[in-house]
């Protein structure tokens, strides 16, 4: 199992539309890695709208973005795409 962890600062409030768009974009962009977001000791699947909304993020929060995969190439391909998606939404 390969893991990539990146700490990022949210520049937006995570509301329903943001969560829905992120989940949709992760699916559309064919992200094969498992994507988790960790905040305040809690971890949720980033492909889960309810999970994202349960975290109560606000703009300016630092979160840990964690990608896991059995194939390292997938992580190297997926991480920049996921970071770009989060920053563009």
N, C-alpha and C. Protein backbone atom coordinates (compact mmCIF):
# COMPACT_ATOMS: atom_id res chain seq x y z
N UNK A 1 0.85 -1.18 0.00
CA UNK A 1 0.00 0.00 0.00
C UNK A 1 0.90 1.24 0.00
N UNK A 2 0.63 2.14 -0.91
CA UNK A 2 1.38 3.40 -1.01
C UNK A 2 0.49 4.53 -0.51
N UNK A 3 1.10 5.49 0.15
CA UNK A 3 0.35 6.60 0.75
C UNK A 3 1.04 7.91 0.43
N UNK A 4 0.25 8.92 0.07
CA UNK A 4 0.75 10.29 -0.09
C UNK A 4 -0.10 11.18 0.81
N UNK A 5 0.55 12.02 1.58
CA UNK A 5 -0.16 12.92 2.50
C UNK A 5 0.29 14.34 2.21
N UNK A 6 -0.66 15.24 2.11
CA UNK A 6 -0.36 16.64 1.82
C UNK A 6 -1.26 17.52 2.68
N UNK A 7 -0.67 18.47 3.39
CA UNK A 7 -1.47 19.40 4.18
C UNK A 7 -1.76 20.63 3.32
N UNK A 8 -3.03 20.99 3.27
CA UNK A 8 -3.43 22.16 2.48
C UNK A 8 -4.32 23.06 3.33
N UNK A 9 -4.41 24.32 2.94
CA UNK A 9 -5.30 25.26 3.61
C UNK A 9 -6.51 25.50 2.71
N UNK A 10 -7.68 25.29 3.28
CA UNK A 10 -8.91 25.54 2.51
C UNK A 10 -9.10 27.03 2.31
N UNK A 11 -9.46 27.41 1.09
CA UNK A 11 -9.73 28.82 0.84
C UNK A 11 -11.22 29.09 0.72
N UNK A 12 -12.02 28.05 0.94
CA UNK A 12 -13.48 28.19 0.86
C UNK A 12 -14.15 27.42 1.98
N UNK A 13 -15.36 27.81 2.28
CA UNK A 13 -16.18 27.05 3.22
C UNK A 13 -16.69 25.81 2.49
N UNK A 14 -16.65 24.67 3.14
CA UNK A 14 -17.18 23.45 2.53
C UNK A 14 -18.67 23.39 2.83
N UNK A 15 -19.44 23.69 1.81
CA UNK A 15 -20.90 23.63 1.93
C UNK A 15 -21.39 22.53 1.00
N UNK A 16 -22.68 22.36 0.92
CA UNK A 16 -23.26 21.26 0.15
C UNK A 16 -22.81 21.27 -1.31
N UNK A 17 -22.86 22.43 -1.93
CA UNK A 17 -22.49 22.50 -3.35
C UNK A 17 -21.01 22.14 -3.56
N UNK A 18 -20.14 22.65 -2.68
CA UNK A 18 -18.71 22.32 -2.78
C UNK A 18 -18.50 20.81 -2.65
N UNK A 19 -19.13 20.21 -1.64
CA UNK A 19 -18.98 18.77 -1.41
C UNK A 19 -19.48 17.97 -2.61
N UNK A 20 -20.64 18.35 -3.13
CA UNK A 20 -21.21 17.66 -4.28
C UNK A 20 -20.30 17.79 -5.50
N UNK A 21 -19.79 19.00 -5.75
CA UNK A 21 -18.91 19.21 -6.89
C UNK A 21 -17.60 18.44 -6.75
N UNK A 22 -17.04 18.40 -5.56
CA UNK A 22 -15.80 17.66 -5.35
C UNK A 22 -16.01 16.17 -5.61
N UNK A 23 -17.05 15.60 -5.06
CA UNK A 23 -17.34 14.17 -5.28
C UNK A 23 -17.55 13.90 -6.76
N UNK A 24 -18.32 14.76 -7.43
CA UNK A 24 -18.56 14.58 -8.87
C UNK A 24 -17.26 14.66 -9.66
N UNK A 25 -16.41 15.64 -9.36
CA UNK A 25 -15.16 15.81 -10.09
C UNK A 25 -14.19 14.66 -9.84
N UNK A 26 -14.16 14.15 -8.62
CA UNK A 26 -13.30 13.00 -8.35
C UNK A 26 -13.74 11.80 -9.19
N UNK A 27 -15.03 11.67 -9.40
CA UNK A 27 -15.56 10.58 -10.21
C UNK A 27 -15.32 10.83 -11.69
N UNK A 28 -15.62 12.02 -12.16
CA UNK A 28 -15.44 12.37 -13.58
C UNK A 28 -13.99 12.26 -14.00
N UNK A 29 -13.07 12.69 -13.13
CA UNK A 29 -11.65 12.66 -13.46
C UNK A 29 -11.03 11.29 -13.23
N UNK A 30 -11.86 10.29 -12.94
CA UNK A 30 -11.43 8.91 -12.83
C UNK A 30 -10.28 8.72 -11.82
N UNK A 31 -10.45 9.32 -10.64
CA UNK A 31 -9.46 9.19 -9.58
C UNK A 31 -9.59 7.78 -8.99
N UNK A 32 -8.60 6.95 -9.22
CA UNK A 32 -8.64 5.56 -8.77
C UNK A 32 -8.14 5.39 -7.34
N UNK A 33 -7.29 6.32 -6.88
CA UNK A 33 -6.78 6.23 -5.51
C UNK A 33 -7.90 6.46 -4.51
N UNK A 34 -7.76 5.90 -3.33
CA UNK A 34 -8.68 6.24 -2.24
C UNK A 34 -8.25 7.61 -1.72
N UNK A 35 -9.22 8.49 -1.52
CA UNK A 35 -8.92 9.86 -1.11
C UNK A 35 -9.62 10.13 0.22
N UNK A 36 -8.84 10.53 1.22
CA UNK A 36 -9.38 10.82 2.54
C UNK A 36 -8.98 12.23 2.95
N UNK A 37 -9.82 12.85 3.74
CA UNK A 37 -9.50 14.15 4.32
C UNK A 37 -9.52 13.99 5.83
N UNK A 38 -8.45 14.45 6.46
CA UNK A 38 -8.31 14.35 7.90
C UNK A 38 -8.29 15.76 8.50
N UNK A 39 -9.06 15.93 9.57
CA UNK A 39 -9.16 17.23 10.23
C UNK A 39 -9.57 17.01 11.68
N UNK A 40 -8.89 17.64 12.58
CA UNK A 40 -9.21 17.52 14.01
C UNK A 40 -9.30 16.07 14.48
N UNK A 41 -8.40 15.23 14.00
CA UNK A 41 -8.37 13.83 14.43
C UNK A 41 -9.42 12.94 13.79
N UNK A 42 -10.24 13.49 12.89
CA UNK A 42 -11.27 12.72 12.21
C UNK A 42 -10.87 12.54 10.75
N UNK A 43 -11.21 11.42 10.18
CA UNK A 43 -10.89 11.15 8.78
C UNK A 43 -12.16 10.71 8.06
N UNK A 44 -12.37 11.28 6.86
CA UNK A 44 -13.54 10.89 6.05
C UNK A 44 -13.11 10.64 4.62
N UNK A 45 -13.89 9.84 3.95
CA UNK A 45 -13.68 9.57 2.54
C UNK A 45 -14.08 10.83 1.76
N UNK A 46 -13.17 11.34 0.93
CA UNK A 46 -13.45 12.56 0.17
C UNK A 46 -14.45 12.32 -0.96
N UNK A 47 -14.79 11.06 -1.20
CA UNK A 47 -15.79 10.74 -2.21
C UNK A 47 -17.17 10.57 -1.60
N UNK A 48 -17.33 11.06 -0.36
CA UNK A 48 -18.60 10.96 0.37
C UNK A 48 -19.10 12.36 0.72
N UNK A 49 -20.21 12.75 0.13
CA UNK A 49 -20.78 14.08 0.40
C UNK A 49 -21.11 14.21 1.89
N UNK A 50 -21.75 13.22 2.46
CA UNK A 50 -22.13 13.29 3.87
C UNK A 50 -20.89 13.35 4.75
N UNK A 51 -19.88 12.56 4.41
CA UNK A 51 -18.63 12.59 5.17
C UNK A 51 -18.00 13.97 5.16
N UNK A 52 -17.93 14.59 3.98
CA UNK A 52 -17.35 15.94 3.87
C UNK A 52 -18.14 16.95 4.68
N UNK A 53 -19.47 16.88 4.60
CA UNK A 53 -20.29 17.85 5.33
C UNK A 53 -20.21 17.65 6.84
N UNK A 54 -19.93 16.44 7.28
CA UNK A 54 -19.86 16.17 8.71
C UNK A 54 -18.61 16.78 9.36
N UNK A 55 -17.65 17.18 8.56
CA UNK A 55 -16.39 17.71 9.09
C UNK A 55 -16.46 19.17 9.53
N UNK A 56 -17.44 19.91 9.08
CA UNK A 56 -17.63 21.32 9.46
C UNK A 56 -16.38 22.17 9.20
N UNK A 57 -15.85 22.07 7.99
CA UNK A 57 -14.69 22.89 7.61
C UNK A 57 -15.11 24.33 7.44
N UNK A 58 -14.19 25.23 7.66
CA UNK A 58 -14.38 26.64 7.33
C UNK A 58 -13.14 27.12 6.59
N UNK A 59 -13.28 28.22 5.87
CA UNK A 59 -12.15 28.78 5.13
C UNK A 59 -11.00 29.06 6.10
N UNK A 60 -9.80 28.73 5.68
CA UNK A 60 -8.62 28.95 6.51
C UNK A 60 -8.19 27.74 7.31
N UNK A 61 -9.03 26.68 7.36
CA UNK A 61 -8.64 25.45 8.06
C UNK A 61 -7.53 24.73 7.30
N UNK A 62 -6.57 24.18 8.05
CA UNK A 62 -5.57 23.31 7.46
C UNK A 62 -6.08 21.88 7.57
N UNK A 63 -6.11 21.19 6.44
CA UNK A 63 -6.57 19.80 6.42
C UNK A 63 -5.46 18.93 5.83
N UNK A 64 -5.50 17.66 6.15
CA UNK A 64 -4.58 16.69 5.55
C UNK A 64 -5.32 15.92 4.48
N UNK A 65 -4.78 15.96 3.29
CA UNK A 65 -5.31 15.21 2.17
C UNK A 65 -4.47 13.94 2.05
N UNK A 66 -5.12 12.78 2.11
CA UNK A 66 -4.41 11.51 2.11
C UNK A 66 -4.92 10.65 0.96
N UNK A 67 -4.00 10.24 0.10
CA UNK A 67 -4.34 9.34 -1.00
C UNK A 67 -3.63 8.02 -0.77
N UNK A 68 -4.35 6.94 -0.99
CA UNK A 68 -3.76 5.61 -0.85
C UNK A 68 -4.08 4.79 -2.11
N UNK A 69 -3.15 3.92 -2.47
CA UNK A 69 -3.34 3.06 -3.63
C UNK A 69 -2.36 1.89 -3.56
N UNK A 70 -2.70 0.82 -4.24
CA UNK A 70 -1.80 -0.33 -4.34
C UNK A 70 -0.72 -0.09 -5.40
N UNK A 71 -0.96 0.88 -6.27
CA UNK A 71 -0.03 1.17 -7.37
C UNK A 71 0.49 2.59 -7.23
N UNK A 72 1.79 2.73 -7.08
CA UNK A 72 2.39 4.04 -6.83
C UNK A 72 2.14 5.03 -7.97
N UNK A 73 2.13 4.53 -9.20
CA UNK A 73 1.89 5.42 -10.36
C UNK A 73 0.55 6.13 -10.25
N UNK A 74 -0.45 5.44 -9.72
CA UNK A 74 -1.77 6.06 -9.56
C UNK A 74 -1.68 7.27 -8.63
N UNK A 75 -0.95 7.12 -7.54
CA UNK A 75 -0.81 8.22 -6.59
C UNK A 75 -0.13 9.41 -7.24
N UNK A 76 0.93 9.14 -7.98
CA UNK A 76 1.68 10.23 -8.63
C UNK A 76 0.80 10.95 -9.65
N UNK A 77 -0.10 10.22 -10.29
CA UNK A 77 -1.01 10.81 -11.27
C UNK A 77 -2.18 11.52 -10.59
N UNK A 78 -2.72 10.92 -9.54
CA UNK A 78 -3.94 11.44 -8.92
C UNK A 78 -3.72 12.64 -8.00
N UNK A 79 -2.62 12.69 -7.27
CA UNK A 79 -2.42 13.76 -6.28
C UNK A 79 -2.50 15.15 -6.89
N UNK A 80 -1.78 15.47 -7.98
CA UNK A 80 -1.90 16.82 -8.53
C UNK A 80 -3.30 17.15 -9.03
N UNK A 81 -4.01 16.14 -9.56
CA UNK A 81 -5.37 16.36 -10.05
C UNK A 81 -6.29 16.71 -8.87
N UNK A 82 -6.19 15.96 -7.79
CA UNK A 82 -7.04 16.21 -6.61
C UNK A 82 -6.75 17.59 -6.02
N UNK A 83 -5.49 17.95 -5.91
CA UNK A 83 -5.13 19.27 -5.38
C UNK A 83 -5.72 20.37 -6.26
N UNK A 84 -5.62 20.22 -7.55
CA UNK A 84 -6.17 21.21 -8.49
C UNK A 84 -7.69 21.32 -8.34
N UNK A 85 -8.36 20.18 -8.23
CA UNK A 85 -9.82 20.18 -8.07
C UNK A 85 -10.25 20.93 -6.83
N UNK A 86 -9.59 20.66 -5.72
CA UNK A 86 -9.95 21.31 -4.46
C UNK A 86 -9.74 22.82 -4.55
N UNK A 87 -8.67 23.24 -5.18
CA UNK A 87 -8.39 24.68 -5.29
C UNK A 87 -9.29 25.38 -6.28
N UNK A 88 -9.80 24.67 -7.28
CA UNK A 88 -10.64 25.30 -8.30
C UNK A 88 -12.12 25.37 -7.92
N UNK A 89 -12.56 24.50 -7.03
CA UNK A 89 -13.99 24.49 -6.69
C UNK A 89 -14.38 25.69 -5.86
